[in-house]
Amino acid sequence: MSANEQPVFEVRLRSKRVERELDGLQGVDYDRVAARLRALAREPRPAGCEKLHGDIYRVRVGGLRIIYRVDETARRVDVGGIRRRSERTYKGLRDLFH
């Protein structure tokens, strides 16, 4: 894919909390997550993504997880969380998108 190609999906951060999660990342983590978010605009279900529930997926970025929902009709990826992997990472999944 060339650098001139337009994204197929719009990537949106669902809430101020998600914006703070992204802004709280430092250096390499921020760069890697930002690059993965741009990649989700081109391919919302990349190799290695995992379907969690319904239309909710997650991708790994090192020790972080990006939790998102794919809306095919609106051609949109809604990011509900950017979290470090822990036992609380996936609690309240469906509530992230309501």
N, C-alpha and C. Protein backbone atom coordinates (compact mmCIF):
# COMPACT_ATOMS: atom_id res chain seq x y z
N MET A 1 0.84 -1.17 0.00
CA MET A 1 0.00 0.00 0.00
C MET A 1 0.89 1.23 0.00
N SER A 2 0.59 2.16 -0.87
CA SER A 2 1.42 3.36 -0.95
C SER A 2 0.98 4.39 0.07
N ALA A 3 1.83 5.36 0.32
CA ALA A 3 1.55 6.39 1.31
C ALA A 3 0.41 7.30 0.85
N ASN A 4 0.10 7.31 -0.44
CA ASN A 4 -0.94 8.19 -0.97
C ASN A 4 -2.34 7.64 -0.79
N GLU A 5 -2.49 6.36 -0.50
CA GLU A 5 -3.81 5.77 -0.39
C GLU A 5 -4.54 6.29 0.83
N GLN A 6 -5.84 6.57 0.64
CA GLN A 6 -6.67 7.09 1.70
C GLN A 6 -7.15 5.97 2.62
N PRO A 7 -7.35 6.27 3.91
CA PRO A 7 -7.89 5.27 4.82
C PRO A 7 -9.31 4.89 4.41
N VAL A 8 -9.68 3.66 4.66
CA VAL A 8 -11.00 3.17 4.32
C VAL A 8 -11.97 3.44 5.46
N PHE A 9 -11.49 3.39 6.71
CA PHE A 9 -12.31 3.60 7.88
C PHE A 9 -11.84 4.85 8.63
N GLU A 10 -12.78 5.51 9.28
CA GLU A 10 -12.46 6.62 10.18
C GLU A 10 -12.20 6.01 11.56
N VAL A 11 -11.13 6.42 12.21
CA VAL A 11 -10.81 5.94 13.57
C VAL A 11 -11.15 7.06 14.54
N ARG A 12 -12.02 6.75 15.51
CA ARG A 12 -12.43 7.74 16.50
C ARG A 12 -12.17 7.22 17.91
N LEU A 13 -11.72 8.11 18.79
CA LEU A 13 -11.59 7.80 20.20
C LEU A 13 -12.95 8.09 20.83
N ARG A 14 -13.54 7.11 21.51
CA ARG A 14 -14.92 7.21 21.98
C ARG A 14 -15.16 8.21 23.10
N SER A 15 -14.16 8.52 23.88
CA SER A 15 -14.40 9.37 25.05
C SER A 15 -13.14 10.13 25.45
N LYS A 16 -13.34 11.07 26.36
CA LYS A 16 -12.20 11.81 26.92
C LYS A 16 -11.26 10.86 27.65
N ARG A 17 -11.83 9.82 28.28
CA ARG A 17 -11.00 8.85 28.99
C ARG A 17 -10.02 8.17 28.04
N VAL A 18 -10.49 7.79 26.86
CA VAL A 18 -9.62 7.15 25.88
C VAL A 18 -8.56 8.15 25.40
N GLU A 19 -8.95 9.40 25.22
CA GLU A 19 -7.97 10.43 24.84
C GLU A 19 -6.88 10.55 25.91
N ARG A 20 -7.28 10.51 27.19
CA ARG A 20 -6.30 10.58 28.29
C ARG A 20 -5.40 9.34 28.31
N GLU A 21 -6.00 8.16 28.02
CA GLU A 21 -5.18 6.94 27.97
C GLU A 21 -4.11 7.06 26.89
N LEU A 22 -4.49 7.59 25.73
CA LEU A 22 -3.52 7.76 24.64
C LEU A 22 -2.49 8.83 24.99
N ASP A 23 -2.96 9.97 25.49
CA ASP A 23 -2.04 11.06 25.84
C ASP A 23 -1.10 10.70 26.98
N GLY A 24 -1.49 9.75 27.83
CA GLY A 24 -0.66 9.34 28.96
C GLY A 24 0.48 8.42 28.58
N LEU A 25 0.48 7.94 27.35
CA LEU A 25 1.56 7.06 26.91
C LEU A 25 2.81 7.87 26.64
N GLN A 26 3.96 7.27 26.86
CA GLN A 26 5.23 7.95 26.68
C GLN A 26 6.02 7.36 25.52
N GLY A 27 6.74 8.20 24.81
CA GLY A 27 7.73 7.81 23.82
C GLY A 27 7.33 6.71 22.86
N VAL A 28 8.04 5.60 22.95
CA VAL A 28 7.88 4.49 22.02
C VAL A 28 6.46 3.92 22.07
N ASP A 29 5.89 3.81 23.28
CA ASP A 29 4.52 3.28 23.39
C ASP A 29 3.54 4.16 22.62
N TYR A 30 3.65 5.48 22.79
CA TYR A 30 2.76 6.39 22.07
C TYR A 30 2.91 6.23 20.56
N ASP A 31 4.15 6.20 20.10
CA ASP A 31 4.40 6.08 18.67
C ASP A 31 3.84 4.78 18.11
N ARG A 32 4.03 3.69 18.83
CA ARG A 32 3.55 2.38 18.36
C ARG A 32 2.02 2.32 18.33
N VAL A 33 1.37 2.87 19.37
CA VAL A 33 -0.10 2.87 19.40
C VAL A 33 -0.65 3.78 18.30
N ALA A 34 -0.06 4.96 18.12
CA ALA A 34 -0.52 5.88 17.08
C ALA A 34 -0.39 5.23 15.69
N ALA A 35 0.71 4.52 15.46
CA ALA A 35 0.90 3.83 14.18
C ALA A 35 -0.14 2.73 14.00
N ARG A 36 -0.45 2.00 15.07
CA ARG A 36 -1.45 0.93 14.96
C ARG A 36 -2.84 1.51 14.71
N LEU A 37 -3.15 2.66 15.32
CA LEU A 37 -4.45 3.31 15.07
C LEU A 37 -4.57 3.73 13.60
N ARG A 38 -3.49 4.27 13.04
CA ARG A 38 -3.50 4.63 11.61
C ARG A 38 -3.68 3.38 10.75
N ALA A 39 -3.05 2.28 11.14
CA ALA A 39 -3.17 1.03 10.38
C ALA A 39 -4.60 0.49 10.45
N LEU A 40 -5.29 0.68 11.59
CA LEU A 40 -6.67 0.22 11.71
C LEU A 40 -7.60 0.95 10.74
N ALA A 41 -7.23 2.16 10.35
CA ALA A 41 -8.03 2.90 9.38
C ALA A 41 -8.00 2.21 8.01
N ARG A 42 -6.91 1.54 7.72
CA ARG A 42 -6.79 0.82 6.44
C ARG A 42 -7.29 -0.61 6.53
N GLU A 43 -7.04 -1.27 7.67
CA GLU A 43 -7.44 -2.67 7.85
C GLU A 43 -7.91 -2.85 9.29
N PRO A 44 -9.24 -2.80 9.54
CA PRO A 44 -9.74 -2.86 10.91
C PRO A 44 -9.65 -4.25 11.56
N ARG A 45 -9.39 -5.26 10.78
CA ARG A 45 -9.24 -6.61 11.33
C ARG A 45 -7.91 -7.20 10.86
N PRO A 46 -6.80 -6.65 11.35
CA PRO A 46 -5.49 -7.13 10.89
C PRO A 46 -5.17 -8.52 11.44
N ALA A 47 -4.16 -9.13 10.86
CA ALA A 47 -3.68 -10.40 11.40
C ALA A 47 -3.30 -10.19 12.85
N GLY A 48 -3.70 -11.12 13.70
CA GLY A 48 -3.38 -11.02 15.12
C GLY A 48 -4.45 -10.35 15.96
N CYS A 49 -5.47 -9.75 15.32
CA CYS A 49 -6.54 -9.17 16.12
C CYS A 49 -7.38 -10.30 16.69
N GLU A 50 -8.07 -10.03 17.77
CA GLU A 50 -8.91 -11.06 18.38
C GLU A 50 -10.31 -10.51 18.58
N LYS A 51 -11.29 -11.27 18.14
CA LYS A 51 -12.69 -10.89 18.34
C LYS A 51 -13.05 -11.21 19.78
N LEU A 52 -13.52 -10.19 20.52
CA LEU A 52 -13.83 -10.38 21.93
C LEU A 52 -15.31 -10.67 22.15
N HIS A 53 -16.16 -9.90 21.47
CA HIS A 53 -17.61 -10.06 21.64
C HIS A 53 -18.32 -9.29 20.53
N GLY A 54 -19.18 -9.96 19.78
CA GLY A 54 -19.93 -9.28 18.73
C GLY A 54 -19.00 -8.60 17.74
N ASP A 55 -19.09 -7.27 17.66
CA ASP A 55 -18.23 -6.51 16.75
C ASP A 55 -17.09 -5.81 17.49
N ILE A 56 -16.75 -6.30 18.69
CA ILE A 56 -15.68 -5.72 19.50
C ILE A 56 -14.42 -6.58 19.34
N TYR A 57 -13.30 -5.90 19.05
CA TYR A 57 -12.02 -6.57 18.80
C TYR A 57 -10.94 -5.95 19.68
N ARG A 58 -9.80 -6.62 19.71
CA ARG A 58 -8.62 -6.04 20.34
C ARG A 58 -7.39 -6.40 19.53
N VAL A 59 -6.43 -5.49 19.55
CA VAL A 59 -5.12 -5.75 18.97
C VAL A 59 -4.08 -5.50 20.05
N ARG A 60 -3.00 -6.25 19.97
CA ARG A 60 -1.89 -6.10 20.91
C ARG A 60 -0.87 -5.14 20.34
N VAL A 61 -0.34 -4.30 21.21
CA VAL A 61 0.77 -3.42 20.87
C VAL A 61 1.74 -3.53 22.05
N GLY A 62 2.61 -4.52 21.98
CA GLY A 62 3.50 -4.80 23.10
C GLY A 62 2.68 -5.21 24.31
N GLY A 63 2.86 -4.51 25.42
CA GLY A 63 2.11 -4.81 26.64
C GLY A 63 0.77 -4.09 26.71
N LEU A 64 0.42 -3.37 25.67
CA LEU A 64 -0.84 -2.63 25.63
C LEU A 64 -1.86 -3.35 24.77
N ARG A 65 -3.15 -3.05 25.03
CA ARG A 65 -4.24 -3.58 24.23
C ARG A 65 -5.10 -2.42 23.76
N ILE A 66 -5.42 -2.41 22.47
CA ILE A 66 -6.37 -1.44 21.93
C ILE A 66 -7.69 -2.19 21.75
N ILE A 67 -8.73 -1.73 22.42
CA ILE A 67 -10.04 -2.36 22.35
C ILE A 67 -10.92 -1.46 21.50
N TYR A 68 -11.53 -2.03 20.48
CA TYR A 68 -12.28 -1.20 19.53
C TYR A 68 -13.46 -1.96 18.94
N ARG A 69 -14.39 -1.19 18.38
CA ARG A 69 -15.56 -1.75 17.71
C ARG A 69 -15.53 -1.31 16.25
N VAL A 70 -15.86 -2.25 15.36
CA VAL A 70 -15.89 -1.96 13.93
C VAL A 70 -17.34 -1.76 13.51
N ASP A 71 -17.65 -0.60 12.93
CA ASP A 71 -18.97 -0.31 12.40
C ASP A 71 -18.85 -0.29 10.88
N GLU A 72 -19.21 -1.40 10.27
CA GLU A 72 -19.09 -1.55 8.80
C GLU A 72 -19.97 -0.55 8.06
N THR A 73 -21.18 -0.32 8.55
CA THR A 73 -22.13 0.55 7.87
C THR A 73 -21.59 1.98 7.78
N ALA A 74 -21.10 2.48 8.90
CA ALA A 74 -20.57 3.85 8.95
C ALA A 74 -19.11 3.93 8.53
N ARG A 75 -18.48 2.76 8.28
CA ARG A 75 -17.05 2.70 7.92
C ARG A 75 -16.21 3.40 8.98
N ARG A 76 -16.44 2.96 10.25
CA ARG A 76 -15.80 3.62 11.38
C ARG A 76 -15.25 2.59 12.36
N VAL A 77 -14.12 2.92 12.97
CA VAL A 77 -13.52 2.15 14.06
C VAL A 77 -13.59 3.04 15.30
N ASP A 78 -14.36 2.60 16.30
CA ASP A 78 -14.50 3.35 17.55
C ASP A 78 -13.60 2.71 18.61
N VAL A 79 -12.63 3.46 19.10
CA VAL A 79 -11.69 2.95 20.11
C VAL A 79 -12.28 3.19 21.49
N GLY A 80 -12.49 2.11 22.24
CA GLY A 80 -13.09 2.20 23.57
C GLY A 80 -12.09 2.14 24.70
N GLY A 81 -10.85 1.72 24.40
CA GLY A 81 -9.85 1.64 25.45
C GLY A 81 -8.47 1.36 24.91
N ILE A 82 -7.49 1.94 25.57
CA ILE A 82 -6.07 1.67 25.30
C ILE A 82 -5.48 1.38 26.68
N ARG A 83 -5.26 0.09 26.95
CA ARG A 83 -4.93 -0.32 28.31
C ARG A 83 -3.73 -1.25 28.36
N ARG A 84 -3.02 -1.16 29.48
CA ARG A 84 -1.96 -2.13 29.76
C ARG A 84 -2.63 -3.45 30.09
N ARG A 85 -2.01 -4.53 29.71
CA ARG A 85 -2.55 -5.87 29.96
C ARG A 85 -2.54 -6.15 31.45
N SER A 86 -3.72 -6.44 32.00
CA SER A 86 -3.86 -6.82 33.40
C SER A 86 -5.14 -7.63 33.53
N GLU A 87 -5.46 -8.07 34.73
CA GLU A 87 -6.69 -8.84 34.89
C GLU A 87 -7.93 -7.96 34.74
N ARG A 88 -7.80 -6.65 34.81
CA ARG A 88 -8.93 -5.73 34.64
C ARG A 88 -9.08 -5.22 33.21
N THR A 89 -8.19 -5.56 32.33
CA THR A 89 -8.19 -5.03 30.97
C THR A 89 -9.52 -5.21 30.27
N TYR A 90 -10.14 -6.36 30.41
CA TYR A 90 -11.34 -6.68 29.63
C TYR A 90 -12.63 -6.61 30.44
N LYS A 91 -12.58 -6.10 31.66
CA LYS A 91 -13.80 -5.97 32.47
C LYS A 91 -14.68 -4.85 31.92
N GLY A 92 -15.99 -5.09 31.86
CA GLY A 92 -16.93 -4.07 31.40
C GLY A 92 -16.79 -3.75 29.93
N LEU A 93 -16.44 -4.72 29.13
CA LEU A 93 -16.20 -4.49 27.70
C LEU A 93 -17.36 -3.81 26.99
N ARG A 94 -18.54 -4.38 27.12
CA ARG A 94 -19.68 -3.84 26.39
C ARG A 94 -20.03 -2.42 26.84
N ASP A 95 -19.75 -2.10 28.11
CA ASP A 95 -20.04 -0.76 28.61
C ASP A 95 -19.18 0.31 27.96
N LEU A 96 -18.05 -0.06 27.40
CA LEU A 96 -17.18 0.90 26.73
C LEU A 96 -17.84 1.53 25.51
N PHE A 97 -18.83 0.85 24.94
CA PHE A 97 -19.41 1.30 23.69
C PHE A 97 -20.88 1.69 23.80
N HIS A 98 -21.36 1.93 25.02
CA HIS A 98 -22.76 2.37 25.19
C HIS A 98 -22.82 3.76 25.74
